[in-house]
N, C-alpha and C. Protein backbone atom coordinates (compact mmCIF):
# COMPACT_ATOMS: atom_id res chain seq x y z
N GLU A 1 24.12 -86.87 49.84
CA GLU A 1 23.74 -85.46 50.04
C GLU A 1 22.47 -85.07 49.63
N ILE A 2 22.14 -85.88 48.50
CA ILE A 2 20.94 -85.42 47.88
C ILE A 2 19.82 -86.06 48.74
N LEU A 3 20.09 -87.15 49.31
CA LEU A 3 19.01 -87.86 50.08
C LEU A 3 18.87 -87.10 51.44
N LYS A 4 19.96 -86.62 51.92
CA LYS A 4 19.93 -85.84 53.17
C LYS A 4 19.12 -84.50 52.94
N GLY A 5 19.54 -83.93 51.81
CA GLY A 5 18.74 -82.69 51.35
C GLY A 5 17.28 -82.97 51.28
N ARG A 6 17.09 -83.97 50.78
CA ARG A 6 15.65 -84.44 50.48
C ARG A 6 14.93 -84.75 51.91
N ASP A 7 15.59 -85.29 52.83
CA ASP A 7 15.06 -85.56 54.14
C ASP A 7 14.82 -84.23 54.95
N GLU A 8 15.76 -83.45 54.70
CA GLU A 8 15.66 -82.11 55.23
C GLU A 8 14.41 -81.27 54.69
N MET A 9 14.31 -81.39 53.38
CA MET A 9 13.13 -80.92 52.89
C MET A 9 11.72 -81.26 53.18
N TYR A 10 11.95 -82.69 53.27
CA TYR A 10 10.48 -83.36 53.80
C TYR A 10 10.22 -83.11 55.37
N LYS A 11 11.42 -82.95 56.15
CA LYS A 11 11.25 -82.58 57.53
C LYS A 11 10.55 -81.11 57.50
N THR A 12 11.16 -80.33 56.77
CA THR A 12 10.76 -78.90 56.70
C THR A 12 9.23 -78.82 56.18
N LEU A 13 8.94 -79.45 55.07
CA LEU A 13 7.50 -79.71 54.69
C LEU A 13 6.62 -80.26 55.80
N PHE A 14 7.10 -81.35 56.40
CA PHE A 14 6.43 -81.96 57.38
C PHE A 14 6.11 -80.98 58.60
N ASN A 15 7.04 -80.33 58.97
CA ASN A 15 6.98 -79.46 60.19
C ASN A 15 6.09 -78.32 59.82
N GLY A 16 6.15 -77.89 58.55
CA GLY A 16 5.46 -76.58 58.06
C GLY A 16 3.95 -77.25 58.05
N ALA A 17 3.63 -78.31 57.51
CA ALA A 17 2.13 -78.81 57.47
C ALA A 17 1.74 -78.96 58.83
N ASN A 18 2.64 -79.39 59.87
CA ASN A 18 2.19 -79.83 61.18
C ASN A 18 1.91 -78.32 61.85
N ASN A 19 2.62 -77.34 61.59
CA ASN A 19 2.35 -75.98 62.17
C ASN A 19 1.01 -75.50 61.44
N LYS A 20 0.90 -75.55 60.24
CA LYS A 20 -0.27 -75.28 59.60
C LYS A 20 -1.61 -75.90 60.17
N ASN A 21 -1.47 -77.27 60.34
CA ASN A 21 -2.55 -77.88 61.06
C ASN A 21 -2.69 -77.54 62.38
N GLN A 22 -1.79 -77.19 63.18
CA GLN A 22 -2.00 -76.72 64.52
C GLN A 22 -2.78 -75.43 64.44
N GLN A 23 -2.18 -74.46 63.71
CA GLN A 23 -2.81 -73.14 63.36
C GLN A 23 -4.19 -73.33 62.94
N LEU A 24 -4.67 -74.25 61.95
CA LEU A 24 -5.99 -74.53 61.59
C LEU A 24 -6.87 -75.01 62.71
N GLU A 25 -6.24 -75.90 63.59
CA GLU A 25 -6.86 -76.57 64.71
C GLU A 25 -7.07 -75.41 65.79
N THR A 26 -6.21 -74.47 65.94
CA THR A 26 -6.46 -73.56 66.96
C THR A 26 -7.63 -72.59 66.52
N LYS A 27 -7.68 -72.21 65.14
CA LYS A 27 -8.69 -71.44 64.56
C LYS A 27 -9.92 -72.17 64.58
N LEU A 28 -9.85 -73.42 64.30
CA LEU A 28 -11.41 -74.04 64.32
C LEU A 28 -11.81 -74.34 65.78
N THR A 29 -10.71 -74.40 66.62
CA THR A 29 -11.19 -74.50 68.23
C THR A 29 -12.00 -73.22 68.51
N LYS A 30 -11.29 -72.22 68.13
CA LYS A 30 -11.74 -70.87 68.34
C LYS A 30 -13.16 -70.45 67.72
N ILE A 31 -13.17 -71.07 66.51
CA ILE A 31 -14.64 -70.95 65.81
C ILE A 31 -15.61 -71.75 66.70
N ALA A 32 -15.29 -72.99 67.04
CA ALA A 32 -16.27 -73.81 67.71
C ALA A 32 -16.63 -73.10 69.00
N GLU A 33 -15.64 -72.51 69.78
CA GLU A 33 -16.00 -71.64 70.93
C GLU A 33 -16.95 -70.76 70.83
N THR A 34 -16.60 -69.90 69.71
CA THR A 34 -17.51 -68.71 69.27
C THR A 34 -18.94 -69.26 69.16
N GLN A 35 -19.00 -70.31 68.24
CA GLN A 35 -20.23 -70.98 67.97
C GLN A 35 -21.04 -71.32 69.16
N ASP A 36 -20.34 -71.90 70.11
CA ASP A 36 -20.85 -72.29 71.38
C ASP A 36 -21.41 -71.12 72.05
N GLN A 37 -20.52 -70.17 72.14
CA GLN A 37 -20.99 -68.84 72.93
C GLN A 37 -22.44 -68.32 72.19
N ILE A 38 -22.17 -68.18 70.92
CA ILE A 38 -23.53 -67.69 70.14
C ILE A 38 -24.66 -68.52 70.49
N MET A 39 -24.49 -69.88 70.48
CA MET A 39 -25.67 -70.67 70.83
C MET A 39 -26.18 -70.53 72.36
N ASN A 40 -25.25 -70.33 73.07
CA ASN A 40 -25.67 -70.07 74.47
C ASN A 40 -26.40 -68.81 74.58
N LEU A 41 -25.93 -67.72 74.08
CA LEU A 41 -26.66 -66.40 74.06
C LEU A 41 -27.94 -66.70 73.31
N ALA A 42 -28.15 -67.39 72.27
CA ALA A 42 -29.34 -67.52 71.60
C ALA A 42 -30.23 -68.17 72.57
N GLN A 43 -29.87 -69.21 73.16
CA GLN A 43 -30.65 -70.06 74.05
C GLN A 43 -31.19 -69.08 75.29
N LYS A 44 -30.24 -68.35 75.64
CA LYS A 44 -30.61 -67.37 76.68
C LYS A 44 -31.65 -66.29 76.29
N GLN A 45 -31.40 -65.99 75.20
CA GLN A 45 -32.41 -64.88 74.39
C GLN A 45 -33.77 -65.53 74.45
N ARG A 46 -33.65 -66.80 74.01
CA ARG A 46 -35.01 -67.44 73.86
C ARG A 46 -35.87 -67.70 75.06
N GLN A 47 -35.09 -68.02 76.02
CA GLN A 47 -35.51 -68.10 77.42
C GLN A 47 -36.05 -66.89 77.95
N ARG A 48 -35.46 -65.79 77.80
CA ARG A 48 -35.83 -64.50 78.21
C ARG A 48 -37.22 -64.02 77.45
N SER A 49 -37.09 -64.36 76.06
CA SER A 49 -38.17 -64.17 75.40
C SER A 49 -39.46 -64.76 75.75
N GLN A 50 -39.33 -66.25 76.15
CA GLN A 50 -40.42 -67.02 76.61
C GLN A 50 -40.80 -66.56 77.82
N MET A 51 -39.94 -66.18 78.79
CA MET A 51 -40.36 -65.49 80.07
C MET A 51 -41.10 -64.16 79.85
N ASN A 52 -40.76 -63.49 79.03
CA ASN A 52 -41.48 -62.04 78.85
C ASN A 52 -42.89 -62.44 78.20
N HIS A 53 -42.95 -63.42 77.35
CA HIS A 53 -44.30 -63.64 76.75
C HIS A 53 -45.14 -64.40 77.73
N ALA A 54 -44.60 -65.14 78.67
CA ALA A 54 -45.38 -65.71 79.70
C ALA A 54 -45.67 -64.66 80.72
N ALA A 55 -44.91 -63.67 81.03
CA ALA A 55 -45.45 -62.60 81.89
C ALA A 55 -46.29 -61.63 81.35
N LYS A 56 -46.26 -61.29 79.98
CA LYS A 56 -47.20 -60.72 79.16
C LYS A 56 -48.65 -61.38 79.36
N ASP A 57 -48.54 -62.64 79.01
CA ASP A 57 -49.92 -63.33 79.00
C ASP A 57 -50.51 -63.54 80.46
N GLU A 58 -49.63 -63.76 81.52
CA GLU A 58 -50.26 -63.61 82.68
C GLU A 58 -50.90 -62.16 83.03
N LEU A 59 -50.03 -61.20 82.64
CA LEU A 59 -50.66 -59.80 82.84
C LEU A 59 -51.99 -59.58 82.20
N ILE A 60 -52.06 -59.93 80.93
CA ILE A 60 -53.34 -59.76 80.12
C ILE A 60 -54.43 -60.57 80.79
N GLN A 61 -54.04 -61.74 81.20
CA GLN A 61 -55.11 -62.73 81.76
C GLN A 61 -55.61 -62.05 83.04
N THR A 62 -54.54 -61.51 83.94
CA THR A 62 -55.03 -60.72 85.15
C THR A 62 -55.95 -59.60 84.74
N LEU A 63 -55.68 -58.78 83.70
CA LEU A 63 -56.37 -57.55 83.33
C LEU A 63 -57.84 -58.06 83.05
N PHE A 64 -57.81 -59.02 82.10
CA PHE A 64 -59.02 -59.66 81.78
C PHE A 64 -60.00 -60.15 83.01
N THR A 65 -59.39 -60.75 83.79
CA THR A 65 -60.18 -61.24 85.06
C THR A 65 -60.62 -59.98 85.88
N LYS A 66 -59.66 -58.94 86.03
CA LYS A 66 -60.14 -57.80 86.71
C LYS A 66 -61.21 -57.09 86.07
N LEU A 67 -61.33 -56.98 84.77
CA LEU A 67 -62.24 -56.36 83.96
C LEU A 67 -63.64 -57.12 84.23
N ASP A 68 -63.53 -58.49 84.08
CA ASP A 68 -64.69 -59.29 84.19
C ASP A 68 -65.40 -58.90 85.72
N GLU A 69 -64.33 -58.94 86.62
CA GLU A 69 -64.79 -58.77 87.85
C GLU A 69 -65.53 -57.29 88.21
N GLU A 70 -64.98 -56.36 87.54
CA GLU A 70 -65.28 -55.03 87.66
C GLU A 70 -66.82 -54.89 86.90
N ARG A 71 -67.10 -55.60 85.82
CA ARG A 71 -68.27 -55.54 85.04
C ARG A 71 -69.22 -56.19 85.85
N SER A 72 -68.78 -57.32 86.43
CA SER A 72 -69.73 -57.99 87.48
C SER A 72 -70.03 -57.24 88.51
N ASN A 73 -69.25 -56.53 89.17
CA ASN A 73 -69.53 -55.84 90.36
C ASN A 73 -70.56 -54.55 89.78
N GLU A 74 -70.19 -53.90 88.82
CA GLU A 74 -71.02 -52.85 88.20
C GLU A 74 -72.50 -53.35 88.01
N ALA A 75 -72.63 -54.47 87.45
CA ALA A 75 -73.97 -55.27 87.28
C ALA A 75 -74.73 -55.37 88.49
N LYS A 76 -73.89 -55.84 89.48
CA LYS A 76 -74.53 -56.14 90.89
C LYS A 76 -74.93 -54.75 91.51
N VAL A 77 -74.14 -53.70 91.30
CA VAL A 77 -74.59 -52.40 91.89
C VAL A 77 -75.76 -51.90 91.13
N GLU A 78 -76.01 -51.95 89.92
CA GLU A 78 -77.10 -51.77 89.12
C GLU A 78 -78.30 -52.36 89.53
N GLU A 79 -77.97 -53.68 89.70
CA GLU A 79 -79.23 -54.53 90.04
C GLU A 79 -79.66 -54.04 91.60
N ASN A 80 -78.71 -53.98 92.47
CA ASN A 80 -79.25 -53.44 93.64
C ASN A 80 -79.76 -52.10 93.77
N PHE A 81 -79.27 -51.17 93.01
CA PHE A 81 -79.98 -49.96 92.65
C PHE A 81 -81.37 -49.96 92.45
N LEU A 82 -81.64 -50.83 91.20
CA LEU A 82 -82.88 -50.93 90.68
C LEU A 82 -83.74 -51.59 91.73
N HIS A 83 -83.28 -52.63 92.51
CA HIS A 83 -84.13 -53.23 93.59
C HIS A 83 -84.43 -52.35 94.63
N LEU A 84 -83.40 -51.25 94.96
CA LEU A 84 -83.61 -50.36 96.06
C LEU A 84 -84.75 -49.38 95.53
N ILE A 85 -84.76 -48.95 94.24
CA ILE A 85 -85.89 -48.05 93.80
C ILE A 85 -87.14 -48.88 93.72
N SER A 86 -87.19 -50.06 93.38
CA SER A 86 -88.31 -50.92 93.36
C SER A 86 -88.98 -51.00 94.73
N SER A 87 -88.12 -51.45 95.67
CA SER A 87 -88.36 -51.49 97.15
C SER A 87 -88.88 -50.11 97.80
N SER A 88 -88.51 -49.01 97.23
CA SER A 88 -88.88 -47.73 97.71
C SER A 88 -90.14 -47.48 97.14
N ARG A 89 -90.39 -47.82 95.84
CA ARG A 89 -91.75 -47.58 95.26
C ARG A 89 -92.84 -48.43 96.08
N ASP A 90 -92.41 -49.69 96.29
CA ASP A 90 -93.39 -50.45 97.09
C ASP A 90 -93.56 -50.01 98.37
N GLY A 91 -92.48 -49.40 99.04
CA GLY A 91 -92.68 -48.96 100.44
C GLY A 91 -93.36 -47.73 100.46
N ILE A 92 -93.31 -46.84 99.45
CA ILE A 92 -94.20 -45.56 99.32
C ILE A 92 -95.59 -45.99 99.19
N LYS A 93 -95.83 -47.00 98.12
CA LYS A 93 -97.12 -47.34 97.78
C LYS A 93 -97.87 -47.80 99.20
N GLU A 94 -97.04 -48.70 99.81
CA GLU A 94 -97.63 -49.22 101.08
C GLU A 94 -97.82 -48.14 102.13
N LEU A 95 -97.02 -47.11 102.26
CA LEU A 95 -97.14 -46.08 103.15
C LEU A 95 -98.46 -45.16 102.73
N VAL A 96 -98.62 -44.96 101.58
CA VAL A 96 -99.79 -44.27 100.86
C VAL A 96 -101.06 -45.00 101.29
N GLU A 97 -101.10 -46.46 101.05
CA GLU A 97 -102.24 -47.34 101.43
C GLU A 97 -102.30 -47.38 102.95
N ASN A 98 -101.38 -47.28 103.69
CA ASN A 98 -101.55 -47.25 105.28
C ASN A 98 -102.23 -45.98 105.66
N ALA A 99 -101.76 -44.83 105.12
CA ALA A 99 -102.13 -43.50 105.29
C ALA A 99 -103.56 -43.36 104.88
N GLN A 100 -104.04 -43.93 103.66
CA GLN A 100 -105.42 -43.82 103.39
C GLN A 100 -106.36 -44.74 104.21
N LEU A 101 -105.64 -45.88 104.69
CA LEU A 101 -106.48 -46.72 105.69
C LEU A 101 -106.67 -45.89 106.94
N LEU A 102 -105.53 -45.37 107.50
CA LEU A 102 -105.75 -44.54 108.72
C LEU A 102 -106.78 -43.43 108.52
N HIS A 103 -106.73 -42.84 107.51
CA HIS A 103 -107.65 -41.73 107.23
C HIS A 103 -109.05 -42.19 107.30
N SER A 104 -109.20 -43.32 106.54
CA SER A 104 -110.69 -43.86 106.53
C SER A 104 -111.05 -44.36 108.02
N ILE A 105 -110.13 -45.01 108.74
CA ILE A 105 -110.40 -45.27 110.03
C ILE A 105 -110.86 -44.21 110.92
N SER A 106 -110.04 -43.20 110.93
CA SER A 106 -110.18 -41.95 111.70
C SER A 106 -111.49 -41.20 111.26
N THR A 107 -111.80 -41.18 110.04
CA THR A 107 -112.98 -40.82 109.42
C THR A 107 -114.22 -41.52 110.09
N GLU A 108 -114.11 -42.78 110.03
CA GLU A 108 -115.13 -43.67 110.67
C GLU A 108 -115.36 -43.35 112.21
N ASN A 109 -114.08 -43.39 112.78
CA ASN A 109 -114.22 -43.12 114.26
C ASN A 109 -114.78 -41.88 114.64
N ALA A 110 -114.47 -40.72 113.81
CA ALA A 110 -115.14 -39.46 114.00
C ALA A 110 -116.67 -39.51 113.77
N GLY A 111 -116.87 -40.17 112.56
CA GLY A 111 -118.32 -40.44 112.26
C GLY A 111 -119.17 -41.04 113.47
N GLU A 112 -118.29 -42.12 114.08
CA GLU A 112 -119.10 -42.96 115.15
C GLU A 112 -118.87 -42.09 116.42
N ALA A 113 -118.16 -41.25 116.66
CA ALA A 113 -118.00 -40.30 117.76
C ALA A 113 -119.11 -39.27 117.79
N GLU A 114 -119.30 -38.83 116.48
CA GLU A 114 -120.22 -37.78 116.32
C GLU A 114 -121.70 -38.48 116.61
N VAL A 115 -121.88 -39.49 116.03
CA VAL A 115 -123.14 -40.29 116.24
C VAL A 115 -123.43 -40.62 117.81
N LYS A 116 -122.31 -41.02 118.50
CA LYS A 116 -122.45 -41.24 120.00
C LYS A 116 -122.66 -40.04 120.64
N SER A 117 -122.06 -38.93 120.29
CA SER A 117 -122.25 -37.70 121.09
C SER A 117 -123.70 -37.19 120.66
N GLU A 118 -124.25 -37.24 119.47
CA GLU A 118 -125.60 -36.84 119.06
C GLU A 118 -126.69 -37.80 119.89
N THR A 119 -126.27 -39.09 119.99
CA THR A 119 -127.05 -39.92 120.87
C THR A 119 -127.12 -39.53 122.15
N LYS A 120 -125.92 -39.26 122.77
CA LYS A 120 -125.82 -38.92 124.27
C LYS A 120 -126.55 -37.47 124.29
N ALA A 121 -126.35 -36.77 123.40
CA ALA A 121 -127.02 -35.30 123.60
C ALA A 121 -128.59 -35.59 123.59
N GLU A 122 -129.11 -36.50 122.80
CA GLU A 122 -130.52 -36.78 122.64
C GLU A 122 -130.94 -37.36 124.01
N LYS A 123 -130.24 -38.25 124.67
CA LYS A 123 -130.49 -39.01 125.80
C LYS A 123 -130.30 -37.95 127.00
N ASP A 124 -129.54 -37.07 126.96
CA ASP A 124 -129.34 -35.99 127.96
C ASP A 124 -130.59 -35.20 127.91
N ALA A 125 -131.09 -34.87 126.63
CA ALA A 125 -132.17 -34.01 126.48
C ALA A 125 -133.46 -34.67 126.98
N GLU A 126 -133.44 -35.96 126.73
CA GLU A 126 -134.61 -36.70 127.16
C GLU A 126 -134.85 -36.80 128.66
N VAL A 127 -133.65 -36.83 129.33
CA VAL A 127 -133.54 -37.08 130.70
C VAL A 127 -133.88 -35.70 131.38
N LYS A 128 -133.59 -34.52 130.67
CA LYS A 128 -133.92 -33.40 131.29
C LYS A 128 -135.47 -33.11 131.17
N SER A 129 -136.08 -33.49 129.86
CA SER A 129 -137.40 -33.22 129.65
C SER A 129 -138.14 -34.09 130.61
N GLU A 130 -137.77 -35.08 131.00
CA GLU A 130 -138.43 -36.04 132.01
C GLU A 130 -138.47 -35.40 133.44
N THR A 131 -137.45 -34.90 133.59
CA THR A 131 -137.47 -34.22 135.06
C THR A 131 -137.98 -32.87 135.24
C-alpha cells in the first residue's frame, strides 16, 4: 500500500506538473502572440513614418522647385521690363532723330522753295521789263 500511495502521489505530482507546464505553455504562447502583435504594429508604424517622411520630402522638394521657378519667372519679367524700357528709350531717341531730320529737310525744302520763288519772281520781273 505504501507503494500504491507513492504511485498515487507521483501520479498526482506528475499530473500537477503537466498541468503547470500546460498553463505555462499557454501563457508563453499568449506572450509570444502579444510580442508578434507588438512587432507587427511597430513595423506598420515604421512604414507609416517612412511614408510620411517621403511625402514630406516630396512636398518640400516640390515647394523648392516652385520657388525656383517663381524666382526665374520674376527675373525674366524684370529682364523683359528693362529690355522694354531700353527699347522705348532707343525708340524715342530714334523718333527724336527722325523728327529733327524731317525738320531739317523741311527747312531745306522751304529754303529751296523760297530761293526758287525769288528766282521765278526775278525772271518774271525781267520778262515784264523786256516787254
